[in-house]
Amino acid sequence: MELKDKTLIITGASSGIGEAAAGLFAAEGAQLVLGARRKDNLEAIVDRIAAAGGRAVCLAGDVREEGYAQALVDMALDRFGSLSGAFNNAGMVGTMAPAGEMEFDNWHDVIATNLTSAFLAAKAQIPVLAARGGGSIVFTSSFVGFSNAGLPGMSAYAASKAGLIGLTQSLAADHAASNVRVNALLPGGTVTSMGGEGDADTLAFVAGLHPMKRMAAAVEIAQAALFLLGNRSSFMTGSPMLVDGGVSVRLN
């Protein structure tokens, strides 16, 4: 029960890594506030957690909106009386294209969903965590945009995820003295709907990029997030932690 008595927010919780994290964190004793756009999916996950003896609530909304970030924090305080940390995991790839051919709306949506939402989440979460004496925030970044691991057609995604690492490190430096730890999780290819689940050719191609010759299961990434949110990582802050099956080594 590594997360016993902790209250955590998870965004992007309706599928993929976020859904896997919800199940894992609840089993490890956390009380959860789940956020994503798809209300029906969230409610089904809350029901499964309750059936297994866990505690979770949900609120559907758009992570690009400042009011939504604050509403998730308020729900944690109202329903569970505290906030211990957050797994800010919501993200999107967007339409893949060279920058010269990319629509501005696509660029804007990717940056807003992957990077601006992280700023909004931190703005709402950090004051509450600092006031209670500390806590842990984890953002989902990516090996793409880090350590020279650029991929064609992913300029918006790479820029947003690289920016997220910079934001993580700045926040970590700003708030370490308040015992608020801020780290970034950098997954490799993961079998999710966003990662090509159901498309055998895409999965085989992405798996082949990794020295381990496979992609991660969503729960493997969730386990790494659990480590960053729990007490075992108590001396870690500002870290871009790779959980990528060695793909960044191969691409370098």
Protein backbone atom coordinates (compact mmCIF):
# COMPACT_ATOMS: atom_id res chain seq x y z
CA MET A 1 0.00 0.00 0.00
CA GLU A 2 2.61 2.53 -1.11
CA LEU A 3 0.05 5.30 -1.60
CA LYS A 4 -2.05 4.66 1.51
CA ASP A 5 -3.81 7.82 2.75
CA LYS A 6 -2.62 9.88 -0.24
CA THR A 7 -5.13 11.84 -2.31
CA LEU A 8 -4.05 12.15 -5.93
CA ILE A 9 -5.35 13.77 -9.11
CA ILE A 10 -4.92 11.87 -12.38
CA THR A 11 -5.64 13.59 -15.68
CA GLY A 12 -5.99 11.74 -18.95
CA ALA A 13 -7.54 9.07 -16.74
CA SER A 14 -10.18 7.76 -19.15
CA SER A 15 -7.85 5.45 -21.11
CA GLY A 16 -4.29 4.30 -21.64
CA ILE A 17 -1.64 5.16 -19.08
CA GLY A 18 -4.05 7.24 -17.01
CA GLU A 19 -6.58 4.44 -16.76
CA ALA A 20 -3.85 1.97 -15.80
CA ALA A 21 -2.58 4.42 -13.18
CA ALA A 22 -6.06 4.79 -11.70
CA GLY A 23 -6.38 1.06 -11.12
CA LEU A 24 -2.85 0.70 -9.79
CA PHE A 25 -2.92 3.74 -7.49
CA ALA A 26 -6.29 2.74 -6.04
CA ALA A 27 -4.97 -0.76 -5.33
CA GLU A 28 -2.02 0.85 -3.56
CA GLY A 29 -4.34 2.75 -1.22
CA ALA A 30 -4.72 6.17 -2.86
CA GLN A 31 -7.91 8.21 -2.93
CA LEU A 32 -8.33 9.48 -6.47
CA VAL A 33 -9.78 12.39 -8.39
CA LEU A 34 -9.94 11.35 -12.05
CA GLY A 35 -10.08 13.85 -14.89
CA ALA A 36 -10.52 13.55 -18.66
CA ARG A 37 -12.98 14.60 -21.35
CA ARG A 38 -14.93 11.34 -21.61
CA LYS A 39 -17.42 11.28 -18.74
CA ASP A 40 -18.77 7.79 -19.43
CA ASN A 41 -15.28 6.26 -19.40
CA LEU A 42 -14.39 8.03 -16.17
CA GLU A 43 -17.55 6.89 -14.43
CA ALA A 44 -16.95 3.29 -15.49
CA ILE A 45 -13.43 3.41 -14.03
CA VAL A 46 -14.74 4.92 -10.78
CA ASP A 47 -17.28 2.08 -10.56
CA ARG A 48 -14.58 -0.57 -11.07
CA ILE A 49 -12.40 1.00 -8.38
CA ALA A 50 -15.34 1.11 -5.96
CA ALA A 51 -16.19 -2.52 -6.69
CA ALA A 52 -12.63 -3.46 -5.76
CA GLY A 53 -12.86 -1.56 -2.47
CA GLY A 54 -11.10 1.61 -3.56
CA ARG A 55 -12.12 5.25 -3.43
CA ALA A 56 -12.36 7.50 -6.48
CA VAL A 57 -14.42 10.35 -7.87
CA CYS A 58 -14.31 11.96 -11.30
CA LEU A 59 -14.93 15.20 -13.09
CA ALA A 60 -15.04 15.47 -16.87
CA GLY A 61 -13.56 18.54 -18.51
CA ASP A 62 -10.87 20.09 -20.67
CA VAL A 63 -7.34 20.34 -19.23
CA ARG A 64 -6.74 23.42 -21.40
CA GLU A 65 -9.13 25.42 -19.21
CA GLU A 66 -7.83 27.08 -16.05
CA GLY A 67 -11.12 26.64 -14.23
CA TYR A 68 -11.00 22.89 -14.77
CA ALA A 69 -7.56 22.57 -13.19
CA GLN A 70 -8.82 24.41 -10.14
CA ALA A 71 -12.04 22.36 -10.05
CA LEU A 72 -10.07 19.11 -9.80
CA VAL A 73 -8.14 20.51 -6.83
CA ASP A 74 -11.34 21.73 -5.21
CA MET A 75 -12.92 18.30 -5.65
CA ALA A 76 -9.97 16.64 -3.92
CA LEU A 77 -10.32 19.01 -0.97
CA ASP A 78 -14.10 18.76 -0.81
CA ARG A 79 -14.38 14.98 -1.12
CA PHE A 80 -11.22 13.79 0.63
CA GLY A 81 -10.06 16.76 2.69
CA SER A 82 -6.57 17.02 1.24
CA LEU A 83 -4.33 16.80 -1.83
CA SER A 84 -1.06 14.86 -1.75
CA GLY A 85 -0.02 15.03 -5.39
CA ALA A 86 -0.98 14.70 -9.02
CA PHE A 87 -0.21 12.67 -12.11
CA ASN A 88 -0.77 15.25 -14.84
CA ASN A 89 -0.88 12.79 -17.69
CA ALA A 90 -3.31 14.20 -20.28
CA GLY A 91 -1.82 14.64 -23.73
CA MET A 92 -2.20 14.29 -27.48
CA VAL A 93 0.01 13.65 -30.50
CA GLY A 94 -1.97 15.72 -32.98
CA THR A 95 -1.68 15.53 -36.74
CA MET A 96 1.80 14.50 -37.82
CA ALA A 97 3.27 16.71 -40.55
CA PRO A 98 6.41 18.75 -41.27
CA ALA A 99 6.22 22.18 -39.65
CA GLY A 100 5.89 23.89 -43.02
CA GLU A 101 2.76 21.88 -43.77
CA MET A 102 1.20 21.89 -40.30
CA GLU A 103 -2.01 23.77 -39.65
CA PHE A 104 -1.77 26.42 -36.94
CA ASP A 105 -4.81 25.00 -35.17
CA ASN A 106 -3.02 21.67 -34.80
CA TRP A 107 0.09 23.36 -33.35
CA HIS A 108 -2.06 25.36 -30.95
CA ASP A 109 -4.07 22.34 -29.78
CA VAL A 110 -0.99 20.19 -29.13
CA ILE A 111 0.85 22.92 -27.21
CA ALA A 112 -2.27 23.79 -25.21
CA THR A 113 -3.06 20.18 -24.33
CA ASN A 114 0.48 19.02 -23.54
CA LEU A 115 2.19 22.12 -22.15
CA THR A 116 -0.21 24.91 -21.24
CA SER A 117 -2.35 22.41 -19.32
CA ALA A 118 0.71 21.52 -17.22
CA PHE A 119 1.20 25.16 -16.27
CA LEU A 120 -2.48 25.45 -15.34
CA ALA A 121 -2.32 22.26 -13.28
CA ALA A 122 0.78 23.41 -11.42
CA LYS A 123 -0.74 26.82 -10.77
CA ALA A 124 -3.74 25.19 -9.08
CA GLN A 125 -1.95 22.32 -7.34
CA ILE A 126 1.28 23.79 -5.95
CA PRO A 127 -0.20 26.33 -3.49
CA VAL A 128 -2.30 23.59 -1.89
CA LEU A 129 0.62 21.17 -1.68
CA ALA A 130 2.95 23.81 -0.26
CA ALA A 131 0.38 24.80 2.37
CA ARG A 132 0.10 21.19 3.59
CA GLY A 133 3.89 20.81 3.88
CA GLY A 134 4.71 19.23 0.56
CA GLY A 135 3.69 16.73 -2.08
CA SER A 136 4.63 15.30 -5.46
CA ILE A 137 3.66 16.29 -9.00
CA VAL A 138 4.43 14.14 -12.04
CA PHE A 139 4.03 15.26 -15.64
CA THR A 140 3.99 12.87 -18.59
CA SER A 141 6.58 14.06 -21.09
CA SER A 142 8.21 11.82 -23.72
CA PHE A 143 11.52 10.62 -25.09
CA VAL A 144 10.49 12.55 -28.22
CA GLY A 145 12.05 16.00 -27.95
CA PHE A 146 14.62 14.80 -25.39
CA SER A 147 18.22 13.69 -25.80
CA ASN A 148 18.22 14.30 -29.58
CA ALA A 149 15.44 11.75 -30.06
CA GLY A 150 13.53 13.72 -32.69
CA LEU A 151 11.11 11.98 -35.04
CA PRO A 152 9.82 13.26 -38.40
CA GLY A 153 6.48 15.04 -38.47
CA MET A 154 6.32 15.55 -34.72
CA SER A 155 7.46 19.15 -34.31
CA ALA A 156 4.45 20.24 -32.24
CA TYR A 157 4.53 17.15 -30.05
CA ALA A 158 8.31 17.33 -29.57
CA ALA A 159 8.21 21.03 -28.75
CA SER A 160 5.44 20.54 -26.19
CA LYS A 161 7.17 17.61 -24.50
CA ALA A 162 10.58 19.30 -24.45
CA GLY A 163 8.94 22.41 -23.03
CA LEU A 164 7.33 20.27 -20.36
CA ILE A 165 10.76 19.11 -19.18
CA GLY A 166 11.89 22.73 -18.90
CA LEU A 167 8.74 23.63 -16.98
CA THR A 168 9.26 20.65 -14.67
CA GLN A 169 12.80 21.69 -13.82
CA SER A 170 11.87 25.32 -13.25
CA LEU A 171 8.98 24.36 -10.98
CA ALA A 172 11.22 21.94 -9.10
CA ALA A 173 13.77 24.68 -8.42
CA ASP A 174 11.10 27.18 -7.40
CA HIS A 175 9.32 24.91 -4.93
CA ALA A 176 11.88 22.46 -3.54
CA ALA A 177 12.21 24.44 -0.31
CA SER A 178 8.46 23.95 0.23
CA ASN A 179 8.95 20.18 -0.12
CA VAL A 180 6.95 20.13 -3.35
CA ARG A 181 8.68 17.69 -5.68
CA VAL A 182 8.11 17.99 -9.44
CA ASN A 183 9.31 15.35 -11.89
CA ALA A 184 8.69 14.38 -15.50
CA LEU A 185 8.06 10.83 -16.66
CA LEU A 186 9.35 10.08 -20.17
CA PRO A 187 7.73 6.90 -21.56
CA GLY A 188 8.81 5.11 -24.67
CA GLY A 189 6.32 3.58 -27.06
CA THR A 190 3.33 2.35 -25.06
CA VAL A 191 0.44 0.19 -26.22
CA THR A 192 -2.51 2.59 -25.93
CA SER A 193 -5.13 3.94 -28.31
CA MET A 194 -2.85 6.96 -28.87
CA GLY A 195 0.14 4.64 -29.35
CA GLY A 196 -1.34 2.59 -32.18
CA GLU A 197 -3.26 -0.07 -30.28
CA GLY A 198 -5.05 -2.32 -32.78
CA ASP A 199 -2.78 -1.38 -35.70
CA ALA A 200 -0.38 -4.30 -36.05
CA ASP A 201 1.92 -2.56 -38.55
CA THR A 202 2.30 0.56 -36.38
CA LEU A 203 2.93 -1.50 -33.25
CA ALA A 204 5.57 -3.60 -35.01
CA PHE A 205 7.34 -0.51 -36.36
CA VAL A 206 7.39 1.27 -32.99
CA ALA A 207 8.46 -1.89 -31.16
CA GLY A 208 11.36 -2.24 -33.58
CA LEU A 209 12.72 1.18 -32.58
CA HIS A 210 13.32 -0.07 -29.06
CA PRO A 211 16.39 -2.16 -28.13
CA MET A 212 14.01 -4.31 -26.05
CA LYS A 213 12.06 -4.98 -29.28
CA ARG A 214 8.72 -4.39 -27.64
CA MET A 215 6.49 -1.58 -26.45
CA ALA A 216 5.51 -0.95 -22.85
CA ALA A 217 2.23 -2.02 -21.35
CA ALA A 218 0.40 0.98 -19.91
CA VAL A 219 0.71 -0.44 -16.40
CA GLU A 220 4.52 -0.45 -16.70
CA ILE A 221 4.48 3.32 -17.15
CA ALA A 222 1.95 3.64 -14.33
CA GLN A 223 4.33 1.76 -12.04
CA ALA A 224 7.03 4.34 -12.73
CA ALA A 225 4.57 7.13 -11.96
CA LEU A 226 3.71 5.40 -8.68
CA PHE A 227 7.39 5.47 -7.74
CA LEU A 228 7.63 9.21 -8.39
CA LEU A 229 4.46 9.92 -6.41
CA GLY A 230 5.38 7.70 -3.47
CA ASN A 231 7.84 8.04 -0.62
CA ARG A 232 10.58 5.96 -2.26
CA SER A 233 11.46 8.90 -4.53
CA SER A 234 11.67 11.39 -1.65
CA PHE A 235 15.02 12.85 -2.80
CA MET A 236 14.04 13.22 -6.46
CA THR A 237 12.91 16.49 -7.98
CA GLY A 238 13.44 18.11 -11.35
CA SER A 239 14.19 14.76 -12.96
CA PRO A 240 13.27 13.78 -16.53
CA MET A 241 12.97 10.06 -15.79
CA LEU A 242 13.21 7.84 -18.86
CA VAL A 243 11.07 4.71 -18.90
CA ASP A 244 11.53 4.05 -22.58
CA GLY A 245 12.87 0.55 -23.19
CA GLY A 246 16.17 2.09 -24.31
CA VAL A 247 14.71 3.82 -27.37
CA SER A 248 16.46 7.13 -26.62
CA VAL A 249 19.79 5.27 -26.52
CA ARG A 250 19.08 3.64 -29.89
CA LEU A 251 18.05 6.92 -31.54
CA ASN A 252 21.15 8.68 -30.24
